[in-house]
Protein backbone atom coordinates (compact mmCIF):
# COMPACT_ATOMS: atom_id res chain seq x y z
CA UNK A 1 -61.40 -15.90 16.23
CA UNK A 2 -63.22 -16.97 13.38
CA UNK A 3 -66.03 -14.67 11.86
CA UNK A 4 -69.47 -15.45 12.53
CA UNK A 5 -72.10 -14.67 9.94
CA UNK A 6 -74.99 -12.51 11.27
CA UNK A 7 -77.80 -12.79 9.27
CA UNK A 8 -79.31 -9.78 11.27
CA UNK A 9 -76.71 -7.67 10.06
CA UNK A 10 -76.27 -9.14 6.83
CA UNK A 11 -79.73 -9.31 5.53
CA UNK A 12 -79.72 -5.94 3.39
CA UNK A 13 -76.03 -7.06 1.70
CA UNK A 14 -78.22 -10.80 1.32
CA UNK A 15 -81.36 -8.87 -0.17
CA UNK A 16 -79.00 -6.43 -2.70
CA UNK A 17 -77.12 -9.77 -3.79
CA UNK A 18 -80.93 -11.24 -4.58
CA UNK A 19 -81.66 -8.44 -5.96
CA UNK A 20 -78.58 -8.63 -8.41
CA UNK A 21 -79.18 -12.19 -9.29
CA UNK A 22 -83.21 -11.23 -10.15
CA UNK A 23 -82.04 -8.84 -12.17
CA UNK A 24 -79.48 -11.40 -14.26
CA UNK A 25 -82.53 -13.97 -13.83
CA UNK A 26 -84.97 -11.48 -15.54
CA UNK A 27 -82.23 -10.37 -18.31
CA UNK A 28 -81.33 -13.85 -19.17
CA UNK A 29 -84.99 -14.86 -19.72
CA UNK A 30 -85.81 -12.09 -21.98
CA UNK A 31 -83.21 -12.59 -24.15
CA UNK A 32 -82.88 -16.42 -23.98
CA UNK A 33 -86.51 -17.16 -23.03
CA UNK A 34 -87.70 -16.01 -26.65
CA UNK A 35 -86.78 -16.94 -30.11
CA UNK A 36 -84.24 -15.02 -31.63
CA UNK A 37 -83.17 -15.05 -35.47
CA UNK A 38 -79.80 -15.59 -35.38
CA UNK A 39 -78.37 -18.81 -36.16
CA UNK A 40 -77.95 -20.05 -33.11
CA UNK A 41 -81.55 -20.99 -31.89
CA UNK A 42 -82.54 -19.99 -28.48
CA UNK A 43 -84.70 -22.79 -26.52
CA UNK A 44 -88.19 -21.53 -27.95
CA UNK A 45 -86.88 -21.50 -31.15
CA UNK A 46 -85.35 -24.69 -31.41
CA UNK A 47 -88.63 -25.81 -29.88
CA UNK A 48 -90.24 -24.40 -33.07
CA UNK A 49 -88.18 -25.91 -35.44
CA UNK A 50 -88.46 -29.50 -33.18
CA UNK A 51 -92.22 -29.03 -33.59
CA UNK A 52 -92.36 -28.53 -37.36
CA UNK A 53 -89.75 -31.28 -37.87
CA UNK A 54 -91.83 -33.55 -36.01
CA UNK A 55 -95.21 -33.10 -37.79
CA UNK A 56 -93.37 -32.70 -41.22
CA UNK A 57 -91.80 -36.21 -40.45
CA UNK A 58 -95.25 -37.57 -39.39
CA UNK A 59 -97.04 -36.10 -42.21
CA UNK A 60 -94.44 -37.75 -44.78
CA UNK A 61 -94.00 -40.93 -43.40
CA UNK A 62 -98.37 -41.14 -43.20
CA UNK A 63 -98.21 -39.39 -47.19
CA UNK A 64 -95.68 -42.48 -48.15
CA UNK A 65 -97.99 -45.43 -47.04
CA UNK A 66 -100.87 -43.58 -48.34
CA UNK A 67 -99.57 -43.73 -51.69
CA UNK A 68 -98.63 -47.14 -51.77
CA UNK A 69 -102.22 -48.16 -50.28
CA UNK A 70 -103.97 -46.11 -53.16
CA UNK A 71 -101.89 -47.41 -56.55
CA UNK A 72 -104.63 -48.28 -58.95
CA UNK A 73 -106.72 -49.93 -59.29
CA UNK A 74 -107.31 -49.68 -54.88
CA UNK A 75 -109.09 -46.41 -54.52
CA UNK A 76 -109.21 -44.09 -51.35
CA UNK A 77 -111.07 -45.01 -48.42
CA UNK A 78 -112.16 -42.34 -46.44
CA UNK A 79 -112.53 -44.41 -43.14
CA UNK A 80 -109.71 -45.64 -43.51
CA UNK A 81 -107.78 -42.39 -44.33
CA UNK A 82 -109.78 -40.70 -41.15
CA UNK A 83 -108.53 -43.19 -38.69
CA UNK A 84 -105.07 -43.61 -40.08
CA UNK A 85 -103.86 -39.81 -40.71
CA UNK A 86 -102.83 -37.13 -38.38
CA UNK A 87 -103.74 -33.89 -40.49
CA UNK A 88 -105.99 -33.43 -43.71
CA UNK A 89 -104.73 -35.41 -46.62
CA UNK A 90 -105.84 -35.01 -49.74
CA UNK A 91 -105.01 -38.17 -52.52
CA UNK A 92 -104.81 -37.35 -56.31
CA UNK A 93 -104.69 -39.99 -58.80
CA UNK A 94 -103.52 -39.05 -62.52
CA UNK A 95 -104.48 -35.15 -61.47
CA UNK A 96 -107.56 -35.40 -60.08
CA UNK A 97 -108.74 -35.31 -56.25
CA UNK A 98 -109.59 -38.95 -55.48
CA UNK A 99 -109.73 -39.34 -51.91
CA UNK A 100 -109.46 -36.97 -48.57
CA UNK A 101 -109.38 -37.44 -44.78
CA UNK A 102 -110.87 -34.33 -43.88
CA UNK A 103 -112.15 -30.88 -44.62
CA UNK A 104 -109.39 -28.47 -45.84
CA UNK A 105 -107.80 -26.26 -48.48
CA UNK A 106 -108.43 -28.00 -51.85
CA UNK A 107 -105.50 -28.48 -53.57
CA UNK A 108 -105.28 -26.86 -57.13
CA UNK A 109 -103.61 -28.30 -60.23
CA UNK A 110 -100.57 -26.12 -59.42
CA UNK A 111 -100.37 -27.45 -56.23
CA UNK A 112 -100.59 -30.92 -57.17
CA UNK A 113 -97.86 -30.36 -59.84
CA UNK A 114 -95.47 -28.32 -57.25
CA UNK A 115 -92.55 -31.25 -56.57
CA UNK A 116 -91.28 -29.74 -53.09
CA UNK A 117 -91.64 -32.26 -50.73
CA UNK A 118 -92.16 -29.53 -48.07
CA UNK A 119 -93.91 -25.69 -48.25
CA UNK A 120 -95.65 -23.41 -47.22
CA UNK A 121 -99.34 -22.67 -48.61
CA UNK A 122 -101.49 -19.58 -47.34
CA UNK A 123 -105.17 -19.89 -48.01
CA UNK A 124 -108.48 -18.10 -46.73
CA UNK A 125 -108.43 -20.37 -44.40
CA UNK A 126 -104.94 -20.35 -42.39
CA UNK A 127 -101.54 -20.91 -43.22
CA UNK A 128 -100.53 -24.75 -43.70
CA UNK A 129 -97.45 -26.95 -44.11
CA UNK A 130 -97.43 -28.76 -47.09
CA UNK A 131 -95.93 -32.14 -47.29
CA UNK A 132 -96.12 -33.75 -50.68
CA UNK A 133 -95.29 -37.46 -51.29
CA UNK A 134 -95.92 -39.07 -55.52
CA UNK A 135 -95.83 -42.42 -56.04
CA UNK A 136 -96.64 -43.40 -59.65
CA UNK A 137 -99.95 -41.42 -61.04
CA UNK A 138 -100.66 -41.23 -57.04
CA UNK A 139 -100.20 -37.82 -55.75
CA UNK A 140 -100.65 -37.11 -52.03
CA UNK A 141 -100.72 -34.06 -50.19
CA UNK A 142 -100.81 -33.66 -46.40
CA UNK A 143 -102.04 -30.11 -44.95
CA UNK A 144 -100.63 -29.59 -41.75
CA UNK A 145 -102.14 -26.54 -39.71
CA UNK A 146 -100.07 -24.15 -38.23
CA UNK A 147 -102.79 -21.52 -38.28
CA UNK A 148 -106.40 -21.29 -38.65
CA UNK A 149 -108.44 -18.38 -39.58
CA UNK A 150 -111.81 -17.24 -39.36
CA UNK A 151 -113.81 -14.61 -40.89
CA UNK A 152 -114.01 -12.69 -37.23
CA UNK A 153 -110.26 -13.05 -36.06
CA UNK A 154 -107.01 -14.25 -36.93
CA UNK A 155 -105.90 -15.14 -34.10
CA UNK A 156 -104.81 -18.51 -33.54
CA UNK A 157 -106.71 -21.40 -32.40
CA UNK A 158 -107.43 -22.09 -28.43
CA UNK A 159 -109.58 -24.74 -28.55
CA UNK A 160 -111.26 -27.18 -31.36
CA UNK A 161 -111.44 -30.96 -33.00
CA UNK A 162 -108.36 -29.72 -35.38
CA UNK A 163 -106.00 -27.23 -33.29
CA UNK A 164 -103.47 -25.43 -34.84
CA UNK A 165 -99.52 -26.36 -34.75
CA UNK A 166 -98.74 -22.85 -33.28
CA UNK A 167 -101.81 -22.81 -31.13
CA UNK A 168 -102.15 -20.41 -28.24
CA UNK A 169 -97.91 -19.09 -28.85
CA UNK A 170 -99.52 -15.74 -30.52
CA UNK A 171 -97.43 -15.45 -33.28
CA UNK A 172 -97.60 -14.56 -37.02
CA UNK A 173 -96.56 -17.32 -39.81
CA UNK A 174 -94.89 -15.02 -42.50
CA UNK A 175 -94.11 -16.82 -46.11
CA UNK A 176 -91.30 -14.34 -46.72
CA UNK A 177 -88.03 -13.71 -44.76
CA UNK A 178 -88.40 -11.19 -42.58
CA UNK A 179 -85.73 -8.80 -40.97
CA UNK A 180 -85.57 -8.46 -37.66
CA UNK A 181 -85.58 -4.69 -37.42
CA UNK A 182 -88.65 -5.36 -39.94
CA UNK A 183 -90.61 -7.29 -37.82
CA UNK A 184 -92.53 -5.82 -34.22
CA UNK A 185 -91.11 -8.73 -32.71
CA UNK A 186 -88.87 -11.29 -32.52
CA UNK A 187 -88.36 -13.30 -35.68
CA UNK A 188 -87.26 -17.19 -36.05
CA UNK A 189 -86.73 -18.60 -39.39
CA UNK A 190 -87.45 -22.28 -39.54
CA UNK A 191 -86.26 -24.51 -42.28
CA UNK A 192 -87.36 -27.73 -43.68
CA UNK A 193 -86.08 -31.25 -43.28
CA UNK A 194 -83.40 -30.76 -45.87
CA UNK A 195 -82.69 -27.26 -44.45
CA UNK A 196 -84.37 -25.35 -46.89
CA UNK A 197 -86.04 -21.98 -46.05
CA UNK A 198 -89.69 -23.17 -45.42
CA UNK A 199 -91.05 -19.74 -43.31
CA UNK A 200 -90.40 -17.11 -40.74
CA UNK A 201 -92.52 -16.94 -37.66
CA UNK A 202 -92.66 -13.64 -35.66
CA UNK A 203 -93.86 -13.35 -32.09
CA UNK A 204 -95.99 -10.42 -30.93
CA UNK A 205 -94.20 -9.06 -28.10
CA UNK A 206 -97.46 -6.93 -27.01
CA UNK A 207 -99.56 -10.30 -26.45
CA UNK A 208 -97.28 -13.10 -25.63
CA UNK A 209 -97.72 -12.88 -22.07
CA UNK A 210 -96.65 -15.93 -20.84
CA UNK A 211 -92.97 -15.46 -22.63
CA UNK A 212 -93.10 -12.05 -20.83
CA UNK A 213 -93.98 -12.73 -17.29
CA UNK A 214 -91.12 -14.83 -16.10
CA UNK A 215 -88.79 -11.77 -17.02
CA UNK A 216 -91.17 -9.61 -15.80
CA UNK A 217 -91.82 -11.27 -12.39
CA UNK A 218 -88.12 -11.17 -11.87
CA UNK A 219 -87.65 -7.87 -12.50
CA UNK A 220 -90.42 -6.54 -9.85
CA UNK A 221 -88.86 -9.09 -7.95
CA UNK A 222 -85.32 -7.37 -7.92
CA UNK A 223 -87.15 -3.65 -7.75
CA UNK A 224 -88.13 -5.28 -4.56
CA UNK A 225 -85.40 -6.85 -2.86
CA UNK A 226 -83.10 -3.76 -3.84
CA UNK A 227 -85.39 -1.20 -2.65
CA UNK A 228 -85.52 -3.17 0.83
CA UNK A 229 -81.98 -3.79 1.12
CA UNK A 230 -81.31 -0.18 0.55
CA UNK A 231 -83.51 0.73 3.19
CA UNK A 232 -82.01 -2.04 5.54
CA UNK A 233 -78.55 -0.16 5.06
CA UNK A 234 -79.98 3.33 5.31
CA UNK A 235 -81.43 2.86 8.67
CA UNK A 236 -78.71 1.21 10.13
CA UNK A 237 -76.39 4.29 8.61
CA UNK A 238 -79.51 6.34 10.64
CA UNK A 239 -78.73 4.53 13.69
CA UNK A 240 -75.10 4.95 13.52
CA UNK A 241 -75.26 8.60 13.20
CA UNK A 242 -73.62 8.54 9.37
CA UNK A 243 -76.82 10.34 8.82
CA UNK A 244 -75.73 12.40 5.78
CA UNK A 245 -74.86 8.87 3.95
CA UNK A 246 -78.54 7.45 4.95
CA UNK A 247 -79.85 10.60 3.11
CA UNK A 248 -77.60 10.62 0.17
CA UNK A 249 -78.36 7.17 -0.40
CA UNK A 250 -82.15 7.04 0.46
CA UNK A 251 -82.95 9.69 -2.38
CA UNK A 252 -79.98 8.15 -4.69
CA UNK A 253 -80.87 4.51 -5.03
CA UNK A 254 -84.21 5.64 -6.50
CA UNK A 255 -83.18 7.78 -8.48
CA UNK A 256 -80.52 5.59 -10.06
CA UNK A 257 -83.10 2.57 -10.57
CA UNK A 258 -85.61 5.20 -11.96
CA UNK A 259 -82.97 6.52 -14.25
CA UNK A 260 -82.16 3.12 -15.57
CA UNK A 261 -85.55 2.25 -16.12
CA UNK A 262 -86.41 5.11 -18.38
CA UNK A 263 -83.50 4.22 -20.52
CA UNK A 264 -84.00 0.73 -20.87
CA UNK A 265 -87.88 1.62 -21.71
CA UNK A 266 -89.09 -1.07 -18.96
CA UNK A 267 -91.52 -2.37 -18.17
CA UNK A 268 -93.25 -1.52 -21.74
CA UNK A 269 -90.24 -2.79 -23.51
CA UNK A 270 -90.60 -6.11 -22.14
CA UNK A 271 -94.60 -6.59 -21.98
CA UNK A 272 -96.84 -3.92 -23.82
CA UNK A 273 -99.05 -2.83 -20.52
CA UNK A 274 -101.64 0.05 -21.72
CA UNK A 275 -100.47 2.10 -18.22
CA UNK A 276 -97.26 2.18 -20.03
CA UNK A 277 -98.15 2.60 -23.49
CA UNK A 278 -96.44 6.02 -25.08
CA UNK A 279 -99.18 5.73 -27.91
CA UNK A 280 -101.99 6.70 -25.35
CA UNK A 281 -100.24 9.56 -23.41
CA UNK A 282 -96.56 10.47 -23.84
CA UNK A 283 -95.37 14.39 -23.20
CA UNK A 284 -91.30 13.61 -22.92
CA UNK A 285 -88.60 11.53 -22.62
CA UNK A 286 -88.63 11.99 -19.22
CA UNK A 287 -92.66 10.82 -19.10
CA UNK A 288 -92.91 8.29 -22.23
CA UNK A 289 -96.72 7.01 -20.50
CA UNK A 290 -98.97 7.51 -17.80
CA UNK A 291 -97.21 4.76 -15.87
CA UNK A 292 -94.10 6.48 -16.20
CA UNK A 293 -95.73 9.95 -15.13
CA UNK A 294 -96.81 8.01 -11.98
CA UNK A 295 -93.64 6.61 -11.17
CA UNK A 296 -92.26 9.96 -11.48
CA UNK A 297 -94.56 11.39 -8.90
CA UNK A 298 -93.66 8.61 -6.72
CA UNK A 299 -90.02 9.73 -6.85
CA UNK A 300 -90.75 13.48 -6.32
CA UNK A 301 -92.38 12.76 -2.97
CA UNK A 302 -89.81 10.45 -2.31
CA UNK A 303 -87.31 13.18 -2.67
CA UNK A 304 -89.24 16.24 -0.98
CA UNK A 305 -89.55 13.02 2.04
CA UNK A 306 -86.32 12.92 1.76
CA UNK A 307 -85.81 16.80 2.32
CA UNK A 308 -88.20 16.96 5.17
CA UNK A 309 -86.51 14.36 7.15
CA UNK A 310 -83.08 15.99 6.22
CA UNK A 311 -84.70 19.54 7.00
CA UNK A 312 -86.01 17.78 10.42
CA UNK A 313 -82.90 15.99 11.47
CA UNK A 314 -80.58 19.37 10.93
CA UNK A 315 -83.09 21.65 12.20
CA UNK A 316 -82.92 24.14 8.85
CA UNK A 317 -85.84 25.92 10.24
CA UNK A 318 -84.54 26.79 13.95
CA UNK A 319 -81.08 27.32 12.39
CA UNK A 320 -82.35 30.12 9.91
CA UNK A 321 -84.28 31.47 12.35
CA UNK A 322 -81.24 31.86 14.46
CA UNK A 323 -79.43 33.00 11.49
CA UNK A 324 -78.32 36.75 11.32
CA UNK A 325 -80.14 38.40 7.78
CA UNK A 326 -78.70 37.65 4.77
CA UNK A 327 -76.63 34.64 5.80
CA UNK A 328 -79.30 32.09 4.57
CA UNK A 329 -80.89 33.88 1.78
CA UNK A 330 -84.39 33.58 2.60
CA UNK A 331 -85.73 35.87 5.14
CA UNK A 332 -89.24 34.07 6.21
CA UNK A 333 -87.27 31.37 7.60
CA UNK A 334 -86.18 33.96 10.55
CA UNK A 335 -89.71 33.79 11.75
CA UNK A 336 -89.91 30.00 12.19
């Protein structure tokens, strides 16, 4: 006879399978949903590189057109530059600034003389990708804003008439190459259109909520599936009279899960929640934060509950009372 699938009997196994898929998805989202510093760009690093390449291409195309239009005796026209240029653009003729399209860091003579077509410059206003085009006596510098800085904050712009290219991404721009072990976050090294190193982008793990919520949500979902699935199996085994197996699983599965979370440093390793911050409270490896201490307390309550269930099912106090003195080793039990 064909074997029929019964959801009423198989739902704990289905939940455990969903838990496994959630854990795998959480790991994949954490490792490949963020950018890394290796040669094989992960999706977010590739997106950053593509973003920079597109901005550099746009700035280079506009700078080349401006350089042609501003050849002497023609003079730069502010209104035309304002409408035609996507980023702050400065036009220099014979080494002197002759026009600009928007406010930004004023180029120095050294920047005007720098022959590199693309480079990073760091100013008090922020970090900018500088795209240079020169034709005859005319030099055009386009400043693509990567991160805007203000006197009271170093965060990237969230809103504004001239948003930064990396707006809202919670990253830091570094001019020098950054080694993975020298940064507190994930690192991506970006290059120019010729393949030469431009700058590094360091993602801040504690603030990049958008990139961390998905793996954390999948982790929580996996834990829920894991817990309910094992509870379903424990209930079934209890009803079938396999009480010892049910009690072992009831106590063992959360203990295994807790040990795995401690070993991997979760959830703090993925999202710096204040409750799980070891800088706030840390006693030992078993309780590296207040959140871990709370989870340990819940685990202790669960283990104590398992012992109570075992005691009631096997009638340990009554058996201790009926046992000859000394056999149970605890004389007070004899009065129960």
